[in-house]
């Protein structure tokens, strides 16, 4: 395939690895000549044993999830309070202009 000029060629009986790219000579409006379509990615599922290879222990993960939930609740409450205050100011201005 692509080899340096001085590279030896493998014997004909040696197994050849197949490329994951699909060589397609049809014209495609989304690709150029230098881009080859790739075959779909093959995902291999390797089941890990329960509780191993986790970055954090179970209790710490639960604690972080609770902290994230608490932060989200505080931010949502603050946003709602700011929205309510802004809406109240708009209504007061409109009443002051009507008088």
PDB file of N, CA and C in Angstrom:
ATOM      1  N   UNK A   1       0.831  -1.164   0.000  1.00  0.00           N
ATOM      2  CA  UNK A   1       0.000   0.000   0.000  1.00  0.00           C
ATOM      3  C   UNK A   1       0.887   1.242   0.000  1.00  0.00           C
ATOM      4  N   UNK A   2       1.061   1.921   1.127  1.00  0.00           N
ATOM      5  CA  UNK A   2       1.936   3.082   1.207  1.00  0.00           C
ATOM      6  C   UNK A   2       3.185   2.658   1.964  1.00  0.00           C
ATOM      7  N   UNK A   3       4.274   2.588   1.297  1.00  0.00           N
ATOM      8  CA  UNK A   3       5.508   2.172   1.944  1.00  0.00           C
ATOM      9  C   UNK A   3       6.651   3.033   1.429  1.00  0.00           C
ATOM     10  N   UNK A   4       7.712   3.058   2.185  1.00  0.00           N
ATOM     11  CA  UNK A   4       8.872   3.811   1.727  1.00  0.00           C
ATOM     12  C   UNK A   4       9.524   3.062   0.562  1.00  0.00           C
ATOM     13  N   UNK A   5      10.282   3.755  -0.295  1.00  0.00           N
ATOM     14  CA  UNK A   5      10.848   3.103  -1.465  1.00  0.00           C
ATOM     15  C   UNK A   5      11.767   1.939  -1.139  1.00  0.00           C
ATOM     16  N   UNK A   6      12.422   1.961   0.007  1.00  0.00           N
ATOM     17  CA  UNK A   6      13.368   0.903   0.332  1.00  0.00           C
ATOM     18  C   UNK A   6      12.765  -0.222   1.150  1.00  0.00           C
ATOM     19  N   UNK A   7      11.452  -0.160   1.418  1.00  0.00           N
ATOM     20  CA  UNK A   7      10.828  -1.176   2.263  1.00  0.00           C
ATOM     21  C   UNK A   7      10.690  -2.481   1.502  1.00  0.00           C
ATOM     22  N   UNK A   8      10.906  -3.568   2.217  1.00  0.00           N
ATOM     23  CA  UNK A   8      10.761  -4.884   1.603  1.00  0.00           C
ATOM     24  C   UNK A   8       9.294  -5.247   1.527  1.00  0.00           C
ATOM     25  N   UNK A   9       8.917  -5.960   0.514  1.00  0.00           N
ATOM     26  CA  UNK A   9       7.530  -6.387   0.386  1.00  0.00           C
ATOM     27  C   UNK A   9       7.339  -7.671   1.173  1.00  0.00           C
ATOM     28  N   UNK A  10       6.199  -7.811   1.840  1.00  0.00           N
ATOM     29  CA  UNK A  10       5.972  -9.020   2.628  1.00  0.00           C
ATOM     30  C   UNK A  10       5.733 -10.205   1.695  1.00  0.00           C
ATOM     31  N   UNK A  11       6.002 -11.421   2.173  1.00  0.00           N
ATOM     32  CA  UNK A  11       5.727 -12.592   1.346  1.00  0.00           C
ATOM     33  C   UNK A  11       4.230 -12.725   1.079  1.00  0.00           C
ATOM     34  N   UNK A  12       3.879 -13.386   0.001  1.00  0.00           N
ATOM     35  CA  UNK A  12       2.487 -13.490  -0.420  1.00  0.00           C
ATOM     36  C   UNK A  12       1.640 -14.293   0.555  1.00  0.00           C
ATOM     37  N   UNK A  13       2.230 -15.145   1.353  1.00  0.00           N
ATOM     38  CA  UNK A  13       1.460 -15.980   2.271  1.00  0.00           C
ATOM     39  C   UNK A  13       1.208 -15.308   3.608  1.00  0.00           C
ATOM     40  N   UNK A  14       1.794 -14.156   3.847  1.00  0.00           N
ATOM     41  CA  UNK A  14       1.616 -13.473   5.130  1.00  0.00           C
ATOM     42  C   UNK A  14       0.194 -12.916   5.218  1.00  0.00           C
ATOM     43  N   UNK A  15      -0.417 -12.975   6.406  1.00  0.00           N
ATOM     44  CA  UNK A  15      -1.764 -12.411   6.549  1.00  0.00           C
ATOM     45  C   UNK A  15      -1.715 -10.894   6.401  1.00  0.00           C
ATOM     46  N   UNK A  16      -2.738 -10.345   5.791  1.00  0.00           N
ATOM     47  CA  UNK A  16      -2.802  -8.908   5.546  1.00  0.00           C
ATOM     48  C   UNK A  16      -3.931  -8.331   6.382  1.00  0.00           C
ATOM     49  N   UNK A  17      -3.625  -7.284   7.125  1.00  0.00           N
ATOM     50  CA  UNK A  17      -4.648  -6.603   7.912  1.00  0.00           C
ATOM     51  C   UNK A  17      -5.489  -5.742   6.993  1.00  0.00           C
ATOM     52  N   UNK A  18      -6.798  -5.775   7.207  1.00  0.00           N
ATOM     53  CA  UNK A  18      -7.680  -4.977   6.377  1.00  0.00           C
ATOM     54  C   UNK A  18      -7.836  -3.601   6.981  1.00  0.00           C
ATOM     55  N   UNK A  19      -7.919  -2.611   6.127  1.00  0.00           N
ATOM     56  CA  UNK A  19      -8.091  -1.237   6.555  1.00  0.00           C
ATOM     57  C   UNK A  19      -9.530  -1.021   6.993  1.00  0.00           C
ATOM     58  N   UNK A  20      -9.724  -0.105   7.932  1.00  0.00           N
ATOM     59  CA  UNK A  20     -11.068   0.236   8.369  1.00  0.00           C
ATOM     60  C   UNK A  20     -11.729   1.257   7.460  1.00  0.00           C
ATOM     61  N   UNK A  21     -10.984   1.826   6.530  1.00  0.00           N
ATOM     62  CA  UNK A  21     -11.566   2.810   5.637  1.00  0.00           C
ATOM     63  C   UNK A  21     -12.145   2.127   4.421  1.00  0.00           C
ATOM     64  N   UNK A  22     -13.204   2.709   3.923  1.00  0.00           N
ATOM     65  CA  UNK A  22     -13.854   2.187   2.736  1.00  0.00           C
ATOM     66  C   UNK A  22     -13.432   3.068   1.578  1.00  0.00           C
ATOM     67  N   UNK A  23     -12.861   2.467   0.558  1.00  0.00           N
ATOM     68  CA  UNK A  23     -12.420   3.235  -0.594  1.00  0.00           C
ATOM     69  C   UNK A  23     -13.565   3.306  -1.585  1.00  0.00           C
ATOM     70  N   UNK A  24     -14.081   4.481  -1.752  1.00  0.00           N
ATOM     71  CA  UNK A  24     -15.220   4.686  -2.633  1.00  0.00           C
ATOM     72  C   UNK A  24     -14.818   5.716  -3.672  1.00  0.00           C
ATOM     73  N   UNK A  25     -15.014   5.385  -4.928  1.00  0.00           N
ATOM     74  CA  UNK A  25     -14.586   6.294  -5.992  1.00  0.00           C
ATOM     75  C   UNK A  25     -15.717   7.189  -6.468  1.00  0.00           C
ATOM     76  N   UNK A  26     -16.907   7.021  -5.907  1.00  0.00           N
ATOM     77  CA  UNK A  26     -18.018   7.885  -6.316  1.00  0.00           C
ATOM     78  C   UNK A  26     -17.807   9.298  -5.789  1.00  0.00           C
ATOM     79  N   UNK A  27     -18.283  10.256  -6.552  1.00  0.00           N
ATOM     80  CA  UNK A  27     -18.158  11.656  -6.142  1.00  0.00           C
ATOM     81  C   UNK A  27     -19.189  11.960  -5.063  1.00  0.00           C
ATOM     82  N   UNK A  28     -18.779  12.719  -4.089  1.00  0.00           N
ATOM     83  CA  UNK A  28     -19.665  13.115  -3.010  1.00  0.00           C
ATOM     84  C   UNK A  28     -19.504  14.613  -2.823  1.00  0.00           C
ATOM     85  N   UNK A  29     -20.600  15.323  -2.694  1.00  0.00           N
ATOM     86  CA  UNK A  29     -20.509  16.776  -2.580  1.00  0.00           C
ATOM     87  C   UNK A  29     -19.981  17.229  -1.224  1.00  0.00           C
ATOM     88  N   UNK A  30     -19.924  16.353  -0.239  1.00  0.00           N
ATOM     89  CA  UNK A  30     -19.434  16.740   1.084  1.00  0.00           C
ATOM     90  C   UNK A  30     -17.962  16.414   1.304  1.00  0.00           C
ATOM     91  N   UNK A  31     -17.373  15.601   0.462  1.00  0.00           N
ATOM     92  CA  UNK A  31     -15.986  15.216   0.674  1.00  0.00           C
ATOM     93  C   UNK A  31     -15.130  15.670  -0.492  1.00  0.00           C
ATOM     94  N   UNK A  32     -13.851  15.724  -0.252  1.00  0.00           N
ATOM     95  CA  UNK A  32     -12.908  16.044  -1.311  1.00  0.00           C
ATOM     96  C   UNK A  32     -12.124  14.781  -1.645  1.00  0.00           C
ATOM     97  N   UNK A  33     -11.237  14.873  -2.585  1.00  0.00           N
ATOM     98  CA  UNK A  33     -10.459  13.710  -2.978  1.00  0.00           C
ATOM     99  C   UNK A  33      -9.525  13.219  -1.897  1.00  0.00           C
ATOM    100  N   UNK A  34      -9.165  14.073  -0.946  1.00  0.00           N
ATOM    101  CA  UNK A  34      -8.219  13.660   0.089  1.00  0.00           C
ATOM    102  C   UNK A  34      -8.909  13.035   1.291  1.00  0.00           C
ATOM    103  N   UNK A  35     -10.238  13.031   1.303  1.00  0.00           N
ATOM    104  CA  UNK A  35     -10.966  12.481   2.437  1.00  0.00           C
ATOM    105  C   UNK A  35     -11.589  11.162   2.019  1.00  0.00           C
ATOM    106  N   UNK A  36     -11.286  10.111   2.761  1.00  0.00           N
ATOM    107  CA  UNK A  36     -11.876   8.797   2.497  1.00  0.00           C
ATOM    108  C   UNK A  36     -12.930   8.518   3.541  1.00  0.00           C
ATOM    109  N   UNK A  37     -14.024   7.937   3.129  1.00  0.00           N
ATOM    110  CA  UNK A  37     -15.065   7.589   4.082  1.00  0.00           C
ATOM    111  C   UNK A  37     -14.566   6.484   4.998  1.00  0.00           C
ATOM    112  N   UNK A  38     -14.924   6.580   6.255  1.00  0.00           N
ATOM    113  CA  UNK A  38     -14.493   5.579   7.228  1.00  0.00           C
ATOM    114  C   UNK A  38     -15.624   4.601   7.498  1.00  0.00           C
ATOM    115  N   UNK A  39     -15.243   3.415   7.840  1.00  0.00           N
ATOM    116  CA  UNK A  39     -16.227   2.406   8.219  1.00  0.00           C
ATOM    117  C   UNK A  39     -16.808   2.785   9.576  1.00  0.00           C
ATOM    118  N   UNK A  40     -18.004   2.309   9.884  1.00  0.00           N
ATOM    119  CA  UNK A  40     -18.582   2.619  11.189  1.00  0.00           C
ATOM    120  C   UNK A  40     -17.679   2.120  12.319  1.00  0.00           C
ATOM    121  N   UNK A  41     -17.671   2.851  13.383  1.00  0.00           N
ATOM    122  CA  UNK A  41     -16.840   2.496  14.532  1.00  0.00           C
ATOM    123  C   UNK A  41     -17.447   1.267  15.210  1.00  0.00           C
ATOM    124  N   UNK A  42     -16.613   0.322  15.493  1.00  0.00           N
ATOM    125  CA  UNK A  42     -17.062  -0.876  16.185  1.00  0.00           C
ATOM    126  C   UNK A  42     -16.786  -0.712  17.672  1.00  0.00           C
ATOM    127  N   UNK A  43     -17.851  -0.656  18.458  1.00  0.00           N
ATOM    128  CA  UNK A  43     -17.703  -0.518  19.893  1.00  0.00           C
ATOM    129  C   UNK A  43     -17.695  -1.896  20.527  1.00  0.00           C
ATOM    130  N   UNK A  44     -16.745  -2.110  21.385  1.00  0.00           N
ATOM    131  CA  UNK A  44     -16.630  -3.383  22.067  1.00  0.00           C
ATOM    132  C   UNK A  44     -16.997  -3.154  23.522  1.00  0.00           C
ATOM    133  N   UNK A  45     -18.000  -3.859  23.982  1.00  0.00           N
ATOM    134  CA  UNK A  45     -18.436  -3.720  25.367  1.00  0.00           C
ATOM    135  C   UNK A  45     -17.665  -4.707  26.242  1.00  0.00           C
ATOM    136  N   UNK A  46     -16.895  -4.142  27.164  1.00  0.00           N
ATOM    137  CA  UNK A  46     -16.154  -4.976  28.100  1.00  0.00           C
ATOM    138  C   UNK A  46     -16.751  -4.715  29.474  1.00  0.00           C
ATOM    139  N   UNK A  47     -17.544  -5.651  29.972  1.00  0.00           N
ATOM    140  CA  UNK A  47     -18.172  -5.406  31.272  1.00  0.00           C
ATOM    141  C   UNK A  47     -17.140  -5.416  32.394  1.00  0.00           C
ATOM    142  N   UNK A  48     -17.103  -4.324  33.147  1.00  0.00           N
ATOM    143  CA  UNK A  48     -16.194  -4.255  34.296  1.00  0.00           C
ATOM    144  C   UNK A  48     -16.870  -4.909  35.486  1.00  0.00           C
ATOM    145  N   UNK A  49     -16.086  -5.475  36.337  1.00  0.00           N
ATOM    146  CA  UNK A  49     -16.662  -6.070  37.531  1.00  0.00           C
ATOM    147  C   UNK A  49     -17.248  -4.961  38.394  1.00  0.00           C
ATOM    148  N   UNK A  50     -18.289  -5.280  39.100  1.00  0.00           N
ATOM    149  CA  UNK A  50     -19.047  -4.288  39.861  1.00  0.00           C
ATOM    150  C   UNK A  50     -18.173  -3.618  40.926  1.00  0.00           C
ATOM    151  N   UNK A  51     -18.100  -2.280  40.853  1.00  0.00           N
ATOM    152  CA  UNK A  51     -17.375  -1.531  41.864  1.00  0.00           C
ATOM    153  C   UNK A  51     -15.905  -1.319  41.575  1.00  0.00           C
ATOM    154  N   UNK A  52     -15.392  -1.861  40.491  1.00  0.00           N
ATOM    155  CA  UNK A  52     -13.977  -1.673  40.185  1.00  0.00           C
ATOM    156  C   UNK A  52     -13.807  -0.622  39.105  1.00  0.00           C
ATOM    157  N   UNK A  53     -12.636  -0.048  39.040  1.00  0.00           N
ATOM    158  CA  UNK A  53     -12.248   0.933  38.034  1.00  0.00           C
ATOM    159  C   UNK A  53     -13.148   2.162  38.036  1.00  0.00           C
ATOM    160  N   UNK A  54     -13.708   2.528  39.164  1.00  0.00           N
ATOM    161  CA  UNK A  54     -14.509   3.739  39.256  1.00  0.00           C
ATOM    162  C   UNK A  54     -13.618   4.863  39.764  1.00  0.00           C
ATOM    163  N   UNK A  55     -13.763   6.058  39.213  1.00  0.00           N
ATOM    164  CA  UNK A  55     -12.906   7.159  39.656  1.00  0.00           C
ATOM    165  C   UNK A  55     -13.178   7.604  41.088  1.00  0.00           C
ATOM    166  N   UNK A  56     -14.414   7.480  41.552  1.00  0.00           N
ATOM    167  CA  UNK A  56     -14.759   7.868  42.917  1.00  0.00           C
ATOM    168  C   UNK A  56     -15.558   6.758  43.578  1.00  0.00           C
ATOM    169  N   UNK A  57     -15.432   6.629  44.891  1.00  0.00           N
ATOM    170  CA  UNK A  57     -16.286   5.664  45.597  1.00  0.00           C
ATOM    171  C   UNK A  57     -17.757   6.081  45.511  1.00  0.00           C
ATOM    172  N   UNK A  58     -18.634   5.137  45.743  1.00  0.00           N
ATOM    173  CA  UNK A  58     -20.077   5.360  45.598  1.00  0.00           C
ATOM    174  C   UNK A  58     -20.571   6.501  46.485  1.00  0.00           C
ATOM    175  N   UNK A  59     -20.125   6.554  47.740  1.00  0.00           N
ATOM    176  CA  UNK A  59     -20.618   7.587  48.661  1.00  0.00           C
ATOM    177  C   UNK A  59     -20.182   8.972  48.216  1.00  0.00           C
ATOM    178  N   UNK A  60     -18.961   9.097  47.713  1.00  0.00           N
ATOM    179  CA  UNK A  60     -18.501  10.408  47.246  1.00  0.00           C
ATOM    180  C   UNK A  60     -19.259  10.850  46.001  1.00  0.00           C
ATOM    181  N   UNK A  61     -19.573   9.904  45.117  1.00  0.00           N
ATOM    182  CA  UNK A  61     -20.353  10.260  43.929  1.00  0.00           C
ATOM    183  C   UNK A  61     -21.732  10.747  44.330  1.00  0.00           C
ATOM    184  N   UNK A  62     -22.365  10.081  45.301  1.00  0.00           N
ATOM    185  CA  UNK A  62     -23.681  10.520  45.760  1.00  0.00           C
ATOM    186  C   UNK A  62     -23.602  11.899  46.402  1.00  0.00           C
ATOM    187  N   UNK A  63     -22.560  12.150  47.156  1.00  0.00           N
ATOM    188  CA  UNK A  63     -22.385  13.456  47.788  1.00  0.00           C
ATOM    189  C   UNK A  63     -22.214  14.550  46.732  1.00  0.00           C
ATOM    190  N   UNK A  64     -21.418  14.285  45.700  1.00  0.00           N
ATOM    191  CA  UNK A  64     -21.233  15.282  44.643  1.00  0.00           C
ATOM    192  C   UNK A  64     -22.515  15.531  43.865  1.00  0.00           C
ATOM    193  N   UNK A  65     -23.282  14.496  43.634  1.00  0.00           N
ATOM    194  CA  UNK A  65     -24.564  14.670  42.948  1.00  0.00           C
ATOM    195  C   UNK A  65     -25.505  15.526  43.794  1.00  0.00           C
ATOM    196  N   UNK A  66     -25.534  15.290  45.096  1.00  0.00           N
ATOM    197  CA  UNK A  66     -26.377  16.107  45.977  1.00  0.00           C
ATOM    198  C   UNK A  66     -25.912  17.559  46.009  1.00  0.00           C
ATOM    199  N   UNK A  67     -24.598  17.775  46.019  1.00  0.00           N
ATOM    200  CA  UNK A  67     -24.090  19.148  45.993  1.00  0.00           C
ATOM    201  C   UNK A  67     -24.457  19.843  44.684  1.00  0.00           C
ATOM    202  N   UNK A  68     -24.358  19.130  43.575  1.00  0.00           N
ATOM    203  CA  UNK A  68     -24.757  19.714  42.294  1.00  0.00           C
ATOM    204  C   UNK A  68     -26.246  20.046  42.282  1.00  0.00           C
ATOM    205  N   UNK A  69     -27.056  19.169  42.841  1.00  0.00           N
ATOM    206  CA  UNK A  69     -28.489  19.424  42.918  1.00  0.00           C
ATOM    207  C   UNK A  69     -28.782  20.651  43.780  1.00  0.00           C
ATOM    208  N   UNK A  70     -28.086  20.771  44.913  1.00  0.00           N
ATOM    209  CA  UNK A  70     -28.283  21.927  45.788  1.00  0.00           C
ATOM    210  C   UNK A  70     -27.866  23.223  45.081  1.00  0.00           C
ATOM    211  N   UNK A  71     -26.736  23.194  44.373  1.00  0.00           N
ATOM    212  CA  UNK A  71     -26.292  24.387  43.643  1.00  0.00           C
ATOM    213  C   UNK A  71     -27.292  24.757  42.555  1.00  0.00           C
ATOM    214  N   UNK A  72     -27.806  23.759  41.852  1.00  0.00           N
ATOM    215  CA  UNK A  72     -28.798  24.037  40.822  1.00  0.00           C
ATOM    216  C   UNK A  72     -30.051  24.660  41.427  1.00  0.00           C
ATOM    217  N   UNK A  73     -30.499  24.142  42.578  1.00  0.00           N
ATOM    218  CA  UNK A  73     -31.702  24.679  43.222  1.00  0.00           C
ATOM    219  C   UNK A  73     -31.490  26.134  43.650  1.00  0.00           C
ATOM    220  N   UNK A  74     -30.316  26.436  44.196  1.00  0.00           N
ATOM    221  CA  UNK A  74     -30.027  27.808  44.622  1.00  0.00           C
ATOM    222  C   UNK A  74     -29.968  28.737  43.411  1.00  0.00           C
ATOM    223  N   UNK A  75     -29.320  28.284  42.337  1.00  0.00           N
ATOM    224  CA  UNK A  75     -29.233  29.123  41.139  1.00  0.00           C
ATOM    225  C   UNK A  75     -30.610  29.328  40.508  1.00  0.00           C
ATOM    226  N   UNK A  76     -31.437  28.298  40.503  1.00  0.00           N
ATOM    227  CA  UNK A  76     -32.783  28.426  39.941  1.00  0.00           C
ATOM    228  C   UNK A  76     -33.622  29.389  40.783  1.00  0.00           C
ATOM    229  N   UNK A  77     -33.514  29.288  42.100  1.00  0.00           N
ATOM    230  CA  UNK A  77     -34.258  30.194  42.976  1.00  0.00           C
ATOM    231  C   UNK A  77     -33.793  31.632  42.799  1.00  0.00           C
ATOM    232  N   UNK A  78     -32.471  31.818  42.685  1.00  0.00           N
ATOM    233  CA  UNK A  78     -31.943  33.169  42.463  1.00  0.00           C
ATOM    234  C   UNK A  78     -32.386  33.738  41.126  1.00  0.00           C
ATOM    235  N   UNK A  79     -32.366  32.922  40.090  1.00  0.00           N
ATOM    236  CA  UNK A  79     -32.824  33.383  38.779  1.00  0.00           C
ATOM    237  C   UNK A  79     -34.293  33.748  38.799  1.00  0.00           C
ATOM    238  N   UNK A  80     -35.097  32.925  39.476  1.00  0.00           N
ATOM    239  CA  UNK A  80     -36.523  33.229  39.585  1.00  0.00           C
ATOM    240  C   UNK A  80     -36.753  34.522  40.359  1.00  0.00           C
ATOM    241  N   UNK A  81     -35.991  34.737  41.428  1.00  0.00           N
ATOM    242  CA  UNK A  81     -36.122  35.970  42.206  1.00  0.00           C
ATOM    243  C   UNK A  81     -35.739  37.189  41.371  1.00  0.00           C
ATOM    244  N   UNK A  82     -34.658  37.079  40.589  1.00  0.00           N
ATOM    245  CA  UNK A  82     -34.267  38.197  39.731  1.00  0.00           C
ATOM    246  C   UNK A  82     -35.310  38.462  38.647  1.00  0.00           C
ATOM    247  N   UNK A  83     -35.882  37.406  38.080  1.00  0.00           N
ATOM    248  CA  UNK A  83     -36.909  37.570  37.066  1.00  0.00           C
ATOM    249  C   UNK A  83     -38.139  38.250  37.670  1.00  0.00           C
ATOM    250  N   UNK A  84     -38.532  37.807  38.873  1.00  0.00           N
ATOM    251  CA  UNK A  84     -39.697  38.397  39.539  1.00  0.00           C
ATOM    252  C   UNK A  84     -39.449  39.865  39.863  1.00  0.00           C
ATOM    253  N   UNK A  85     -38.236  40.185  40.321  1.00  0.00           N
ATOM    254  CA  UNK A  85     -37.900  41.575  40.641  1.00  0.00           C
ATOM    255  C   UNK A  85     -37.920  42.445  39.383  1.00  0.00           C
ATOM    256  N   UNK A  86     -37.359  41.918  38.290  1.00  0.00           N
ATOM    257  CA  UNK A  86     -37.365  42.671  37.037  1.00  0.00           C
ATOM    258  C   UNK A  86     -38.772  42.892  36.524  1.00  0.00           C
ATOM    259  N   UNK A  87     -39.616  41.864  36.612  1.00  0.00           N
ATOM    260  CA  UNK A  87     -40.997  42.001  36.160  1.00  0.00           C
ATOM    261  C   UNK A  87     -41.736  43.020  37.032  1.00  0.00           C
ATOM    262  N   UNK A  88     -41.480  42.996  38.341  1.00  0.00           N
ATOM    263  CA  UNK A  88     -42.101  43.958  39.259  1.00  0.00           C
ATOM    264  C   UNK A  88     -41.675  45.384  38.904  1.00  0.00           C
ATOM    265  N   UNK A  89     -40.392  45.600  38.586  1.00  0.00           N
ATOM    266  CA  UNK A  89     -39.913  46.925  38.187  1.00  0.00           C
ATOM    267  C   UNK A  89     -40.582  47.389  36.892  1.00  0.00           C
ATOM    268  N   UNK A  90     -40.763  46.484  35.935  1.00  0.00           N
ATOM    269  CA  UNK A  90     -41.413  46.849  34.664  1.00  0.00           C
ATOM    270  C   UNK A  90     -42.858  47.273  34.909  1.00  0.00           C
ATOM    271  N   UNK A  91     -43.553  46.538  35.771  1.00  0.00           N
ATOM    272  CA  UNK A  91     -44.945  46.872  36.074  1.00  0.00           C
ATOM    273  C   UNK A  91     -45.024  48.216  36.791  1.00  0.00           C
ATOM    274  N   UNK A  92     -44.112  48.482  37.728  1.00  0.00           N
ATOM    275  CA  UNK A  92     -44.123  49.764  38.439  1.00  0.00           C
ATOM    276  C   UNK A  92     -43.854  50.934  37.497  1.00  0.00           C
ATOM    277  N   UNK A  93     -42.919  50.767  36.558  1.00  0.00           N
ATOM    278  CA  UNK A  93     -42.633  51.831  35.577  1.00  0.00           C
ATOM    279  C   UNK A  93     -43.850  52.097  34.691  1.00  0.00           C
ATOM    280  N   UNK A  94     -44.502  51.021  34.309  1.00  0.00           N
ATOM    281  CA  UNK A  94     -45.668  51.197  33.449  1.00  0.00           C
ATOM    282  C   UNK A  94     -46.778  51.920  34.202  1.00  0.00           C
ATOM    283  N   UNK A  95     -46.963  51.620  35.479  1.00  0.00           N
ATOM    284  CA  UNK A  95     -47.982  52.317  36.282  1.00  0.00           C
ATOM    285  C   UNK A  95     -47.598  53.775  36.480  1.00  0.00           C
ATOM    286  N   UNK A  96     -46.289  54.058  36.676  1.00  0.00           N
ATOM    287  CA  UNK A  96     -45.853  55.434  36.891  1.00  0.00           C
ATOM    288  C   UNK A  96     -46.019  56.258  35.621  1.00  0.00           C
ATOM    289  N   UNK A  97     -45.841  55.658  34.459  1.00  0.00           N
ATOM    290  CA  UNK A  97     -46.004  56.388  33.201  1.00  0.00           C
ATOM    291  C   UNK A  97     -47.475  56.632  32.881  1.00  0.00           C
ATOM    292  N   UNK A  98     -48.369  55.734  33.349  1.00  0.00           N
ATOM    293  CA  UNK A  98     -49.793  55.908  33.086  1.00  0.00           C
ATOM    294  C   UNK A  98     -50.397  57.027  33.919  1.00  0.00           C
ATOM    295  N   UNK A  99     -49.829  57.330  35.060  1.00  0.00           N
ATOM    296  CA  UNK A  99     -50.396  58.346  35.957  1.00  0.00           C
ATOM    297  C   UNK A  99     -50.084  59.721  35.505  1.00  0.00           C
TER     298      UNK A  99
END
